[in-house]
Amino acid sequence: MNSNEIRALRNSKKMNQAQFWGALNVTQSCGSRYESGRKIPTLVQLMIDLVHVRGVDLNALPSAEDVQLLHVIRTQHTDLYHNLKMIVAASTNG
């Protein structure tokens, strides 16, 4: 996305710069510079797509600690991992 497309996206969502960029943990002043033509890092472009195009809530994503814990359970406690997996599957199917 280029700066004009991002500005158009923000305007279509009826958000001011603080709201739009704040959802990405980017300051309003930095977002303003992106909208004015400064190069937008790939990671920021990805975050725009995830949050403002696809509707992903960044606060709902697992933390690094959550991922590490899951890895330990999955690799070192396989019976627990499979039991938890069955519990989750049952709760989402019924």
N, C-alpha and C. Protein backbone atom coordinates (compact mmCIF):
# COMPACT_ATOMS: atom_id res chain seq x y z
N MET A 1 0.84 -1.18 0.00
CA MET A 1 0.00 0.00 0.00
C MET A 1 0.88 1.24 0.00
N ASN A 2 0.50 2.21 -0.78
CA ASN A 2 1.24 3.47 -0.74
C ASN A 2 0.54 4.44 0.20
N SER A 3 1.14 5.60 0.38
CA SER A 3 0.62 6.56 1.36
C SER A 3 -0.80 7.02 1.01
N ASN A 4 -1.10 7.20 -0.28
CA ASN A 4 -2.45 7.63 -0.67
C ASN A 4 -3.48 6.55 -0.37
N GLU A 5 -3.12 5.29 -0.60
CA GLU A 5 -4.04 4.18 -0.32
C GLU A 5 -4.29 4.04 1.18
N ILE A 6 -3.25 4.25 1.97
CA ILE A 6 -3.40 4.17 3.42
C ILE A 6 -4.29 5.30 3.93
N ARG A 7 -4.07 6.51 3.43
CA ARG A 7 -4.91 7.64 3.83
C ARG A 7 -6.37 7.37 3.43
N ALA A 8 -6.58 6.83 2.24
CA ALA A 8 -7.94 6.52 1.78
C ALA A 8 -8.57 5.45 2.66
N LEU A 9 -7.79 4.45 3.05
CA LEU A 9 -8.29 3.40 3.94
C LEU A 9 -8.70 4.01 5.28
N ARG A 10 -7.83 4.86 5.83
CA ARG A 10 -8.13 5.49 7.12
C ARG A 10 -9.41 6.32 7.01
N ASN A 11 -9.52 7.10 5.94
CA ASN A 11 -10.71 7.94 5.75
C ASN A 11 -11.97 7.11 5.56
N SER A 12 -11.84 5.97 4.86
CA SER A 12 -13.01 5.12 4.64
C SER A 12 -13.50 4.51 5.95
N LYS A 13 -12.59 4.36 6.90
CA LYS A 13 -12.95 3.83 8.22
C LYS A 13 -13.40 4.94 9.17
N LYS A 14 -13.38 6.18 8.66
CA LYS A 14 -13.78 7.36 9.44
C LYS A 14 -12.99 7.47 10.75
N MET A 15 -11.68 7.26 10.63
CA MET A 15 -10.80 7.33 11.79
C MET A 15 -9.84 8.49 11.61
N ASN A 16 -9.53 9.16 12.72
CA ASN A 16 -8.47 10.17 12.65
C ASN A 16 -7.13 9.45 12.74
N GLN A 17 -6.06 10.19 12.53
CA GLN A 17 -4.73 9.57 12.53
C GLN A 17 -4.40 8.90 13.86
N ALA A 18 -4.75 9.55 14.96
CA ALA A 18 -4.44 8.99 16.28
C ALA A 18 -5.12 7.63 16.47
N GLN A 19 -6.37 7.52 16.04
CA GLN A 19 -7.10 6.26 16.18
C GLN A 19 -6.51 5.17 15.27
N PHE A 20 -6.32 5.53 14.01
CA PHE A 20 -5.84 4.57 13.01
C PHE A 20 -4.46 4.04 13.38
N TRP A 21 -3.53 4.96 13.62
CA TRP A 21 -2.16 4.55 13.89
C TRP A 21 -2.00 4.01 15.31
N GLY A 22 -2.79 4.50 16.24
CA GLY A 22 -2.73 4.01 17.61
C GLY A 22 -3.09 2.54 17.73
N ALA A 23 -4.00 2.06 16.86
CA ALA A 23 -4.37 0.65 16.86
C ALA A 23 -3.19 -0.25 16.49
N LEU A 24 -2.16 0.36 15.88
CA LEU A 24 -0.96 -0.38 15.48
C LEU A 24 0.21 -0.10 16.42
N ASN A 25 -0.05 0.66 17.48
CA ASN A 25 1.01 1.12 18.39
C ASN A 25 2.04 1.97 17.67
N VAL A 26 1.56 2.76 16.71
CA VAL A 26 2.39 3.72 15.99
C VAL A 26 1.88 5.10 16.38
N THR A 27 2.79 6.03 16.66
CA THR A 27 2.36 7.37 17.06
C THR A 27 1.67 8.08 15.91
N GLN A 28 0.83 9.04 16.25
CA GLN A 28 0.13 9.83 15.24
C GLN A 28 1.13 10.57 14.36
N SER A 29 2.17 11.13 14.97
CA SER A 29 3.14 11.90 14.19
C SER A 29 3.90 11.00 13.20
N CYS A 30 4.23 9.80 13.61
CA CYS A 30 4.90 8.87 12.71
C CYS A 30 3.95 8.44 11.59
N GLY A 31 2.70 8.16 11.95
CA GLY A 31 1.69 7.81 10.94
C GLY A 31 1.48 8.92 9.94
N SER A 32 1.50 10.15 10.42
CA SER A 32 1.36 11.31 9.54
C SER A 32 2.49 11.36 8.53
N ARG A 33 3.69 11.05 8.98
CA ARG A 33 4.84 11.04 8.06
C ARG A 33 4.66 9.95 7.00
N TYR A 34 4.16 8.78 7.41
CA TYR A 34 3.90 7.71 6.44
C TYR A 34 2.87 8.17 5.41
N GLU A 35 1.82 8.83 5.88
CA GLU A 35 0.78 9.29 4.98
C GLU A 35 1.27 10.42 4.06
N SER A 36 2.33 11.06 4.45
CA SER A 36 2.89 12.15 3.64
C SER A 36 3.96 11.66 2.66
N GLY A 37 4.19 10.36 2.62
CA GLY A 37 5.10 9.83 1.63
C GLY A 37 6.37 9.19 2.14
N ARG A 38 6.62 9.25 3.44
CA ARG A 38 7.81 8.58 3.98
C ARG A 38 7.65 7.07 3.77
N LYS A 39 8.78 6.41 3.50
CA LYS A 39 8.76 4.96 3.28
C LYS A 39 8.14 4.25 4.48
N ILE A 40 7.21 3.36 4.19
CA ILE A 40 6.52 2.61 5.24
C ILE A 40 7.18 1.24 5.36
N PRO A 41 7.73 0.93 6.53
CA PRO A 41 8.39 -0.38 6.70
C PRO A 41 7.43 -1.54 6.41
N THR A 42 7.98 -2.62 5.94
CA THR A 42 7.18 -3.80 5.60
C THR A 42 6.35 -4.28 6.79
N LEU A 43 6.94 -4.26 7.99
CA LEU A 43 6.21 -4.71 9.17
C LEU A 43 4.99 -3.83 9.43
N VAL A 44 5.13 -2.53 9.25
CA VAL A 44 3.99 -1.62 9.45
C VAL A 44 2.93 -1.88 8.39
N GLN A 45 3.34 -2.13 7.16
CA GLN A 45 2.38 -2.45 6.11
C GLN A 45 1.62 -3.74 6.44
N LEU A 46 2.34 -4.71 6.96
CA LEU A 46 1.71 -5.97 7.37
C LEU A 46 0.70 -5.72 8.49
N MET A 47 1.08 -4.89 9.45
CA MET A 47 0.17 -4.59 10.57
C MET A 47 -1.08 -3.86 10.07
N ILE A 48 -0.92 -2.96 9.12
CA ILE A 48 -2.09 -2.27 8.54
C ILE A 48 -3.03 -3.29 7.93
N ASP A 49 -2.47 -4.22 7.17
CA ASP A 49 -3.30 -5.26 6.55
C ASP A 49 -4.00 -6.11 7.59
N LEU A 50 -3.27 -6.55 8.60
CA LEU A 50 -3.87 -7.40 9.63
C LEU A 50 -4.97 -6.69 10.40
N VAL A 51 -4.69 -5.48 10.86
CA VAL A 51 -5.61 -4.78 11.74
C VAL A 51 -6.75 -4.10 10.98
N HIS A 52 -6.40 -3.31 9.95
CA HIS A 52 -7.41 -2.46 9.32
C HIS A 52 -8.07 -3.07 8.08
N VAL A 53 -7.45 -4.09 7.50
CA VAL A 53 -8.08 -4.75 6.35
C VAL A 53 -8.73 -6.06 6.79
N ARG A 54 -8.00 -6.86 7.56
CA ARG A 54 -8.51 -8.18 7.96
C ARG A 54 -9.20 -8.20 9.32
N GLY A 55 -9.07 -7.12 10.09
CA GLY A 55 -9.79 -7.02 11.36
C GLY A 55 -9.20 -7.79 12.52
N VAL A 56 -7.89 -8.06 12.49
CA VAL A 56 -7.24 -8.80 13.58
C VAL A 56 -7.01 -7.85 14.76
N ASP A 57 -7.35 -8.31 15.95
CA ASP A 57 -7.10 -7.55 17.17
C ASP A 57 -5.72 -7.93 17.69
N LEU A 58 -4.76 -7.00 17.64
CA LEU A 58 -3.40 -7.30 18.07
C LEU A 58 -3.35 -7.73 19.52
N ASN A 59 -4.25 -7.22 20.35
CA ASN A 59 -4.26 -7.59 21.76
C ASN A 59 -4.71 -9.03 21.99
N ALA A 60 -5.35 -9.63 20.99
CA ALA A 60 -5.81 -11.01 21.12
C ALA A 60 -4.75 -12.02 20.70
N LEU A 61 -3.66 -11.55 20.12
CA LEU A 61 -2.60 -12.45 19.70
C LEU A 61 -1.82 -12.95 20.91
N PRO A 62 -1.32 -14.17 20.85
CA PRO A 62 -0.57 -14.70 22.00
C PRO A 62 0.75 -13.96 22.20
N SER A 63 1.14 -13.86 23.45
CA SER A 63 2.42 -13.23 23.77
C SER A 63 3.55 -14.22 23.51
N ALA A 64 4.77 -13.72 23.52
CA ALA A 64 5.93 -14.60 23.35
C ALA A 64 5.97 -15.64 24.46
N GLU A 65 5.58 -15.24 25.67
CA GLU A 65 5.55 -16.18 26.80
C GLU A 65 4.51 -17.28 26.55
N ASP A 66 3.35 -16.91 26.00
CA ASP A 66 2.32 -17.91 25.69
C ASP A 66 2.83 -18.92 24.67
N VAL A 67 3.52 -18.43 23.66
CA VAL A 67 4.05 -19.30 22.61
C VAL A 67 5.11 -20.24 23.19
N GLN A 68 5.95 -19.71 24.05
CA GLN A 68 6.99 -20.53 24.68
C GLN A 68 6.35 -21.61 25.55
N LEU A 69 5.35 -21.24 26.33
CA LEU A 69 4.65 -22.21 27.18
C LEU A 69 4.01 -23.31 26.34
N LEU A 70 3.35 -22.93 25.26
CA LEU A 70 2.73 -23.91 24.38
C LEU A 70 3.79 -24.86 23.80
N HIS A 71 4.92 -24.32 23.42
CA HIS A 71 5.99 -25.15 22.88
C HIS A 71 6.46 -26.19 23.92
N VAL A 72 6.63 -25.76 25.15
CA VAL A 72 7.07 -26.68 26.21
C VAL A 72 6.01 -27.77 26.42
N ILE A 73 4.76 -27.37 26.49
CA ILE A 73 3.68 -28.37 26.69
C ILE A 73 3.64 -29.33 25.51
N ARG A 74 3.73 -28.79 24.32
CA ARG A 74 3.62 -29.62 23.12
C ARG A 74 4.79 -30.60 22.97
N THR A 75 5.98 -30.18 23.33
CA THR A 75 7.15 -31.04 23.11
C THR A 75 7.53 -31.89 24.32
N GLN A 76 7.23 -31.41 25.54
CA GLN A 76 7.67 -32.14 26.73
C GLN A 76 6.54 -32.80 27.50
N HIS A 77 5.32 -32.43 27.20
CA HIS A 77 4.16 -32.99 27.91
C HIS A 77 3.09 -33.34 26.87
N THR A 78 3.42 -34.29 26.00
CA THR A 78 2.56 -34.58 24.86
C THR A 78 1.18 -35.09 25.26
N ASP A 79 1.08 -35.88 26.34
CA ASP A 79 -0.24 -36.35 26.79
C ASP A 79 -1.12 -35.16 27.19
N LEU A 80 -0.55 -34.23 27.95
CA LEU A 80 -1.29 -33.03 28.36
C LEU A 80 -1.70 -32.22 27.13
N TYR A 81 -0.79 -32.08 26.20
CA TYR A 81 -1.08 -31.32 24.97
C TYR A 81 -2.26 -31.94 24.22
N HIS A 82 -2.25 -33.24 24.03
CA HIS A 82 -3.33 -33.90 23.30
C HIS A 82 -4.65 -33.83 24.06
N ASN A 83 -4.60 -33.96 25.39
CA ASN A 83 -5.83 -33.82 26.19
C ASN A 83 -6.40 -32.42 26.07
N LEU A 84 -5.54 -31.42 26.15
CA LEU A 84 -6.01 -30.04 26.01
C LEU A 84 -6.58 -29.78 24.61
N LYS A 85 -5.94 -30.35 23.62
CA LYS A 85 -6.40 -30.20 22.24
C LYS A 85 -7.81 -30.79 22.08
N MET A 86 -8.07 -31.95 22.71
CA MET A 86 -9.39 -32.57 22.64
C MET A 86 -10.42 -31.73 23.38
N ILE A 87 -10.04 -31.16 24.50
CA ILE A 87 -10.96 -30.30 25.26
C ILE A 87 -11.35 -29.08 24.43
N VAL A 88 -10.37 -28.47 23.79
CA VAL A 88 -10.64 -27.29 22.95
C VAL A 88 -11.54 -27.68 21.78
N ALA A 89 -11.24 -28.81 21.13
CA ALA A 89 -12.06 -29.25 20.00
C ALA A 89 -13.50 -29.49 20.43
N ALA A 90 -13.68 -30.11 21.59
CA ALA A 90 -15.02 -30.40 22.09
C ALA A 90 -15.77 -29.12 22.43
N SER A 91 -15.06 -28.13 22.96
CA SER A 91 -15.74 -26.89 23.35
C SER A 91 -16.11 -26.05 22.13
N THR A 92 -15.41 -26.19 21.03
CA THR A 92 -15.74 -25.41 19.84
C THR A 92 -16.76 -26.12 18.96
N ASN A 93 -16.97 -27.42 19.18
CA ASN A 93 -17.95 -28.18 18.39
C ASN A 93 -19.31 -28.28 19.06
N GLY A 94 -19.40 -27.84 20.27
CA GLY A 94 -20.68 -28.08 20.92
C GLY A 94 -21.09 -26.98 21.77
